[in-house]
Amino acid sequence: MVKKAGELIDIELKPHDLRRHAATYASRSGTPLEIVSKVILRHADLATTQRYLGKVNDTEAIRWIETLYG
């Protein structure tokens, strides 16, 4: 279902992309890292979240936000 939704807006989309986007959006909107880690991503270790969010650069985050929220 997620892949088909991505095809409708002409992007490759996987379920994990949505999880990463939600975490990135929350983090860049000012949500404390501890909340992103423990509540949104449910990571046991804060370091896991820091590595996870470190893989998303600003250009990619902006592209996702513009694509999904116009």
PDB file of N, CA and C in Angstrom:
ATOM      1  N   MET A   1       0.820  -1.175   0.000  1.00  0.00           N
ATOM      2  CA  MET A   1       0.000   0.000   0.000  1.00  0.00           C
ATOM      3  C   MET A   1       0.881   1.264   0.000  1.00  0.00           C
ATOM      4  N   VAL A   2       1.946   1.246   0.799  1.00  0.00           N
ATOM      5  CA  VAL A   2       2.837   2.407   0.866  1.00  0.00           C
ATOM      6  C   VAL A   2       3.533   2.617  -0.472  1.00  0.00           C
ATOM      7  N   LYS A   3       3.992   1.539  -1.071  1.00  0.00           N
ATOM      8  CA  LYS A   3       4.670   1.642  -2.361  1.00  0.00           C
ATOM      9  C   LYS A   3       3.727   2.222  -3.418  1.00  0.00           C
ATOM     10  N   LYS A   4       2.478   1.772  -3.426  1.00  0.00           N
ATOM     11  CA  LYS A   4       1.501   2.288  -4.389  1.00  0.00           C
ATOM     12  C   LYS A   4       1.221   3.774  -4.156  1.00  0.00           C
ATOM     13  N   ALA A   5       1.179   4.188  -2.898  1.00  0.00           N
ATOM     14  CA  ALA A   5       0.969   5.603  -2.596  1.00  0.00           C
ATOM     15  C   ALA A   5       2.122   6.436  -3.147  1.00  0.00           C
ATOM     16  N   GLY A   6       3.346   5.928  -3.011  1.00  0.00           N
ATOM     17  CA  GLY A   6       4.503   6.622  -3.568  1.00  0.00           C
ATOM     18  C   GLY A   6       4.430   6.738  -5.074  1.00  0.00           C
ATOM     19  N   GLU A   7       3.964   5.696  -5.724  1.00  0.00           N
ATOM     20  CA  GLU A   7       3.833   5.722  -7.182  1.00  0.00           C
ATOM     21  C   GLU A   7       2.854   6.803  -7.637  1.00  0.00           C
ATOM     22  N   LEU A   8       1.836   7.062  -6.833  1.00  0.00           N
ATOM     23  CA  LEU A   8       0.850   8.091  -7.181  1.00  0.00           C
ATOM     24  C   LEU A   8       1.460   9.487  -7.249  1.00  0.00           C
ATOM     25  N   ILE A   9       2.502   9.709  -6.437  1.00  0.00           N
ATOM     26  CA  ILE A   9       3.163  11.019  -6.470  1.00  0.00           C
ATOM     27  C   ILE A   9       4.567  10.934  -7.057  1.00  0.00           C
ATOM     28  N   ASP A  10       4.822   9.828  -7.734  1.00  0.00           N
ATOM     29  CA  ASP A  10       6.048   9.632  -8.506  1.00  0.00           C
ATOM     30  C   ASP A  10       7.332   9.656  -7.663  1.00  0.00           C
ATOM     31  N   ILE A  11       7.288   8.974  -6.494  1.00  0.00           N
ATOM     32  CA  ILE A  11       8.500   8.776  -5.696  1.00  0.00           C
ATOM     33  C   ILE A  11       8.546   7.328  -5.237  1.00  0.00           C
ATOM     34  N   GLU A  12       9.762   6.817  -5.028  1.00  0.00           N
ATOM     35  CA  GLU A  12       9.910   5.483  -4.479  1.00  0.00           C
ATOM     36  C   GLU A  12       9.717   5.592  -2.967  1.00  0.00           C
ATOM     37  N   LEU A  13       8.750   4.886  -2.449  1.00  0.00           N
ATOM     38  CA  LEU A  13       8.389   5.010  -1.050  1.00  0.00           C
ATOM     39  C   LEU A  13       8.250   3.629  -0.425  1.00  0.00           C
ATOM     40  N   LYS A  14       8.871   3.460   0.739  1.00  0.00           N
ATOM     41  CA  LYS A  14       8.790   2.202   1.484  1.00  0.00           C
ATOM     42  C   LYS A  14       8.316   2.519   2.902  1.00  0.00           C
ATOM     43  N   PRO A  15       7.737   1.547   3.599  1.00  0.00           N
ATOM     44  CA  PRO A  15       7.258   1.813   4.963  1.00  0.00           C
ATOM     45  C   PRO A  15       8.331   2.417   5.880  1.00  0.00           C
ATOM     46  N   HIS A  16       9.542   1.965   5.758  1.00  0.00           N
ATOM     47  CA  HIS A  16      10.601   2.485   6.615  1.00  0.00           C
ATOM     48  C   HIS A  16      10.871   3.961   6.326  1.00  0.00           C
ATOM     49  N   ASP A  17      10.648   4.394   5.089  1.00  0.00           N
ATOM     50  CA  ASP A  17      10.820   5.808   4.741  1.00  0.00           C
ATOM     51  C   ASP A  17       9.864   6.683   5.557  1.00  0.00           C
ATOM     52  N   LEU A  18       8.648   6.206   5.763  1.00  0.00           N
ATOM     53  CA  LEU A  18       7.670   6.969   6.535  1.00  0.00           C
ATOM     54  C   LEU A  18       8.101   7.095   7.993  1.00  0.00           C
ATOM     55  N   ARG A  19       8.640   6.030   8.520  1.00  0.00           N
ATOM     56  CA  ARG A  19       9.139   6.038   9.897  1.00  0.00           C
ATOM     57  C   ARG A  19      10.289   7.040  10.027  1.00  0.00           C
ATOM     58  N   ARG A  20      11.208   6.988   9.090  1.00  0.00           N
ATOM     59  CA  ARG A  20      12.353   7.906   9.111  1.00  0.00           C
ATOM     60  C   ARG A  20      11.887   9.348   8.938  1.00  0.00           C
ATOM     61  N   HIS A  21      10.936   9.559   8.047  1.00  0.00           N
ATOM     62  CA  HIS A  21      10.420  10.910   7.820  1.00  0.00           C
ATOM     63  C   HIS A  21       9.761  11.459   9.083  1.00  0.00           C
ATOM     64  N   ALA A  22       8.943  10.652   9.735  1.00  0.00           N
ATOM     65  CA  ALA A  22       8.265  11.103  10.947  1.00  0.00           C
ATOM     66  C   ALA A  22       9.277  11.518  12.016  1.00  0.00           C
ATOM     67  N   ALA A  23      10.310  10.724  12.171  1.00  0.00           N
ATOM     68  CA  ALA A  23      11.337  11.034  13.164  1.00  0.00           C
ATOM     69  C   ALA A  23      12.104  12.295  12.791  1.00  0.00           C
ATOM     70  N   THR A  24      12.455  12.425  11.528  1.00  0.00           N
ATOM     71  CA  THR A  24      13.198  13.599  11.059  1.00  0.00           C
ATOM     72  C   THR A  24      12.356  14.859  11.204  1.00  0.00           C
ATOM     73  N   TYR A  25      11.100  14.775  10.790  1.00  0.00           N
ATOM     74  CA  TYR A  25      10.199  15.927  10.873  1.00  0.00           C
ATOM     75  C   TYR A  25      10.021  16.355  12.327  1.00  0.00           C
ATOM     76  N   ALA A  26       9.806  15.408  13.206  1.00  0.00           N
ATOM     77  CA  ALA A  26       9.638  15.728  14.624  1.00  0.00           C
ATOM     78  C   ALA A  26      10.900  16.365  15.191  1.00  0.00           C
ATOM     79  N   SER A  27      12.032  15.791  14.863  1.00  0.00           N
ATOM     80  CA  SER A  27      13.302  16.304  15.367  1.00  0.00           C
ATOM     81  C   SER A  27      13.565  17.728  14.882  1.00  0.00           C
ATOM     82  N   ARG A  28      13.332  17.978  13.605  1.00  0.00           N
ATOM     83  CA  ARG A  28      13.601  19.303  13.044  1.00  0.00           C
ATOM     84  C   ARG A  28      12.534  20.323  13.409  1.00  0.00           C
ATOM     85  N   SER A  29      11.435  19.843  13.963  1.00  0.00           N
ATOM     86  CA  SER A  29      10.375  20.747  14.426  1.00  0.00           C
ATOM     87  C   SER A  29      10.548  21.097  15.897  1.00  0.00           C
ATOM     88  N   GLY A  30      11.603  20.585  16.501  1.00  0.00           N
ATOM     89  CA  GLY A  30      11.911  20.940  17.872  1.00  0.00           C
ATOM     90  C   GLY A  30      11.549  19.906  18.922  1.00  0.00           C
ATOM     91  N   THR A  31      11.040  18.761  18.508  1.00  0.00           N
ATOM     92  CA  THR A  31      10.735  17.700  19.464  1.00  0.00           C
ATOM     93  C   THR A  31      12.045  17.206  20.076  1.00  0.00           C
ATOM     94  N   PRO A  32      12.124  17.131  21.384  1.00  0.00           N
ATOM     95  CA  PRO A  32      13.362  16.657  22.021  1.00  0.00           C
ATOM     96  C   PRO A  32      13.767  15.274  21.512  1.00  0.00           C
ATOM     97  N   LEU A  33      15.062  15.082  21.362  1.00  0.00           N
ATOM     98  CA  LEU A  33      15.586  13.824  20.843  1.00  0.00           C
ATOM     99  C   LEU A  33      15.130  12.625  21.677  1.00  0.00           C
ATOM    100  N   GLU A  34      15.005  12.815  22.961  1.00  0.00           N
ATOM    101  CA  GLU A  34      14.564  11.719  23.826  1.00  0.00           C
ATOM    102  C   GLU A  34      13.146  11.264  23.464  1.00  0.00           C
ATOM    103  N   ILE A  35      12.273  12.203  23.106  1.00  0.00           N
ATOM    104  CA  ILE A  35      10.902  11.872  22.717  1.00  0.00           C
ATOM    105  C   ILE A  35      10.906  11.164  21.365  1.00  0.00           C
ATOM    106  N   VAL A  36      11.685  11.698  20.426  1.00  0.00           N
ATOM    107  CA  VAL A  36      11.790  11.061  19.109  1.00  0.00           C
ATOM    108  C   VAL A  36      12.281   9.627  19.289  1.00  0.00           C
ATOM    109  N   SER A  37      13.293   9.452  20.106  1.00  0.00           N
ATOM    110  CA  SER A  37      13.900   8.139  20.302  1.00  0.00           C
ATOM    111  C   SER A  37      12.969   7.157  21.000  1.00  0.00           C
ATOM    112  N   LYS A  38      12.472   7.544  22.147  1.00  0.00           N
ATOM    113  CA  LYS A  38      11.718   6.604  22.989  1.00  0.00           C
ATOM    114  C   LYS A  38      10.252   6.455  22.575  1.00  0.00           C
ATOM    115  N   VAL A  39       9.612   7.542  22.130  1.00  0.00           N
ATOM    116  CA  VAL A  39       8.182   7.500  21.845  1.00  0.00           C
ATOM    117  C   VAL A  39       7.890   7.204  20.383  1.00  0.00           C
ATOM    118  N   ILE A  40       8.524   7.944  19.479  1.00  0.00           N
ATOM    119  CA  ILE A  40       8.220   7.774  18.049  1.00  0.00           C
ATOM    120  C   ILE A  40       8.896   6.527  17.490  1.00  0.00           C
ATOM    121  N   LEU A  41      10.196   6.406  17.721  1.00  0.00           N
ATOM    122  CA  LEU A  41      10.943   5.286  17.137  1.00  0.00           C
ATOM    123  C   LEU A  41      11.009   4.070  18.058  1.00  0.00           C
ATOM    124  N   ARG A  42      10.779   4.279  19.344  1.00  0.00           N
ATOM    125  CA  ARG A  42      10.821   3.202  20.333  1.00  0.00           C
ATOM    126  C   ARG A  42      12.189   2.503  20.369  1.00  0.00           C
ATOM    127  N   HIS A  43      13.244   3.306  20.253  1.00  0.00           N
ATOM    128  CA  HIS A  43      14.599   2.782  20.370  1.00  0.00           C
ATOM    129  C   HIS A  43      14.947   2.632  21.845  1.00  0.00           C
ATOM    130  N   ALA A  44      15.669   1.582  22.177  1.00  0.00           N
ATOM    131  CA  ALA A  44      16.117   1.365  23.552  1.00  0.00           C
ATOM    132  C   ALA A  44      17.288   2.278  23.901  1.00  0.00           C
ATOM    133  N   ASP A  45      18.072   2.651  22.901  1.00  0.00           N
ATOM    134  CA  ASP A  45      19.293   3.427  23.135  1.00  0.00           C
ATOM    135  C   ASP A  45      19.245   4.721  22.333  1.00  0.00           C
ATOM    136  N   LEU A  46      19.497   5.831  22.989  1.00  0.00           N
ATOM    137  CA  LEU A  46      19.493   7.137  22.338  1.00  0.00           C
ATOM    138  C   LEU A  46      20.534   7.219  21.221  1.00  0.00           C
ATOM    139  N   ALA A  47      21.643   6.526  21.373  1.00  0.00           N
ATOM    140  CA  ALA A  47      22.690   6.534  20.350  1.00  0.00           C
ATOM    141  C   ALA A  47      22.187   5.961  19.027  1.00  0.00           C
ATOM    142  N   THR A  48      21.272   5.010  19.081  1.00  0.00           N
ATOM    143  CA  THR A  48      20.694   4.440  17.860  1.00  0.00           C
ATOM    144  C   THR A  48      19.941   5.517  17.091  1.00  0.00           C
ATOM    145  N   THR A  49      19.169   6.301  17.805  1.00  0.00           N
ATOM    146  CA  THR A  49      18.402   7.378  17.169  1.00  0.00           C
ATOM    147  C   THR A  49      19.340   8.426  16.588  1.00  0.00           C
ATOM    148  N   GLN A  50      20.394   8.768  17.304  1.00  0.00           N
ATOM    149  CA  GLN A  50      21.338   9.763  16.805  1.00  0.00           C
ATOM    150  C   GLN A  50      21.987   9.300  15.506  1.00  0.00           C
ATOM    151  N   ARG A  51      22.337   8.029  15.406  1.00  0.00           N
ATOM    152  CA  ARG A  51      22.903   7.508  14.157  1.00  0.00           C
ATOM    153  C   ARG A  51      21.857   7.518  13.056  1.00  0.00           C
ATOM    154  N   TYR A  52      20.655   7.133  13.408  1.00  0.00           N
ATOM    155  CA  TYR A  52      19.544   7.032  12.475  1.00  0.00           C
ATOM    156  C   TYR A  52      19.211   8.390  11.859  1.00  0.00           C
ATOM    157  N   LEU A  53      19.103   9.422  12.691  1.00  0.00           N
ATOM    158  CA  LEU A  53      18.787  10.760  12.185  1.00  0.00           C
ATOM    159  C   LEU A  53      19.976  11.390  11.479  1.00  0.00           C
ATOM    160  N   GLY A  54      21.180  10.972  11.813  1.00  0.00           N
ATOM    161  CA  GLY A  54      22.367  11.514  11.172  1.00  0.00           C
ATOM    162  C   GLY A  54      22.475  11.138   9.704  1.00  0.00           C
ATOM    163  N   LYS A  55      21.714  10.136   9.269  1.00  0.00           N
ATOM    164  CA  LYS A  55      21.762   9.696   7.877  1.00  0.00           C
ATOM    165  C   LYS A  55      20.902  10.558   6.959  1.00  0.00           C
ATOM    166  N   VAL A  56      20.106  11.429   7.528  1.00  0.00           N
ATOM    167  CA  VAL A  56      19.207  12.265   6.736  1.00  0.00           C
ATOM    168  C   VAL A  56      19.801  13.658   6.644  1.00  0.00           C
ATOM    169  N   ASN A  57      20.143  14.071   5.416  1.00  0.00           N
ATOM    170  CA  ASN A  57      20.702  15.409   5.280  1.00  0.00           C
ATOM    171  C   ASN A  57      19.576  16.435   5.103  1.00  0.00           C
ATOM    172  N   ASP A  58      19.905  17.714   5.223  1.00  0.00           N
ATOM    173  CA  ASP A  58      18.891  18.767   5.151  1.00  0.00           C
ATOM    174  C   ASP A  58      18.148  18.764   3.825  1.00  0.00           C
ATOM    175  N   THR A  59      18.858  18.557   2.734  1.00  0.00           N
ATOM    176  CA  THR A  59      18.227  18.563   1.411  1.00  0.00           C
ATOM    177  C   THR A  59      17.183  17.466   1.294  1.00  0.00           C
ATOM    178  N   GLU A  60      17.519  16.280   1.774  1.00  0.00           N
ATOM    179  CA  GLU A  60      16.575  15.170   1.720  1.00  0.00           C
ATOM    180  C   GLU A  60      15.364  15.442   2.604  1.00  0.00           C
ATOM    181  N   ALA A  61      15.584  15.965   3.801  1.00  0.00           N
ATOM    182  CA  ALA A  61      14.476  16.251   4.713  1.00  0.00           C
ATOM    183  C   ALA A  61      13.534  17.293   4.105  1.00  0.00           C
ATOM    184  N   ILE A  62      14.093  18.345   3.529  1.00  0.00           N
ATOM    185  CA  ILE A  62      13.266  19.385   2.906  1.00  0.00           C
ATOM    186  C   ILE A  62      12.488  18.815   1.732  1.00  0.00           C
ATOM    187  N   ARG A  63      13.121  17.973   0.919  1.00  0.00           N
ATOM    188  CA  ARG A  63      12.435  17.365  -0.226  1.00  0.00           C
ATOM    189  C   ARG A  63      11.242  16.527   0.239  1.00  0.00           C
ATOM    190  N   TRP A  64      11.440  15.737   1.286  1.00  0.00           N
ATOM    191  CA  TRP A  64      10.350  14.921   1.826  1.00  0.00           C
ATOM    192  C   TRP A  64       9.211  15.793   2.333  1.00  0.00           C
ATOM    193  N   ILE A  65       9.540  16.820   3.076  1.00  0.00           N
ATOM    194  CA  ILE A  65       8.514  17.673   3.648  1.00  0.00           C
ATOM    195  C   ILE A  65       7.734  18.381   2.535  1.00  0.00           C
ATOM    196  N   GLU A  66       8.450  18.906   1.546  1.00  0.00           N
ATOM    197  CA  GLU A  66       7.766  19.582   0.427  1.00  0.00           C
ATOM    198  C   GLU A  66       6.907  18.614  -0.371  1.00  0.00           C
ATOM    199  N   THR A  67       7.396  17.401  -0.596  1.00  0.00           N
ATOM    200  CA  THR A  67       6.630  16.415  -1.361  1.00  0.00           C
ATOM    201  C   THR A  67       5.374  16.006  -0.613  1.00  0.00           C
ATOM    202  N   LEU A  68       5.500  15.751   0.667  1.00  0.00           N
ATOM    203  CA  LEU A  68       4.361  15.247   1.422  1.00  0.00           C
ATOM    204  C   LEU A  68       3.385  16.332   1.881  1.00  0.00           C
ATOM    205  N   TYR A  69       3.887  17.548   2.105  1.00  0.00           N
ATOM    206  CA  TYR A  69       3.027  18.595   2.650  1.00  0.00           C
ATOM    207  C   TYR A  69       2.831  19.769   1.693  1.00  0.00           C
ATOM    208  N   GLY A  70       3.412  19.681   0.491  1.00  0.00           N
ATOM    209  CA  GLY A  70       3.214  20.668  -0.555  1.00  0.00           C
ATOM    210  C   GLY A  70       3.655  22.027  -0.215  1.00  0.00           C
TER     211      GLY A  70
END
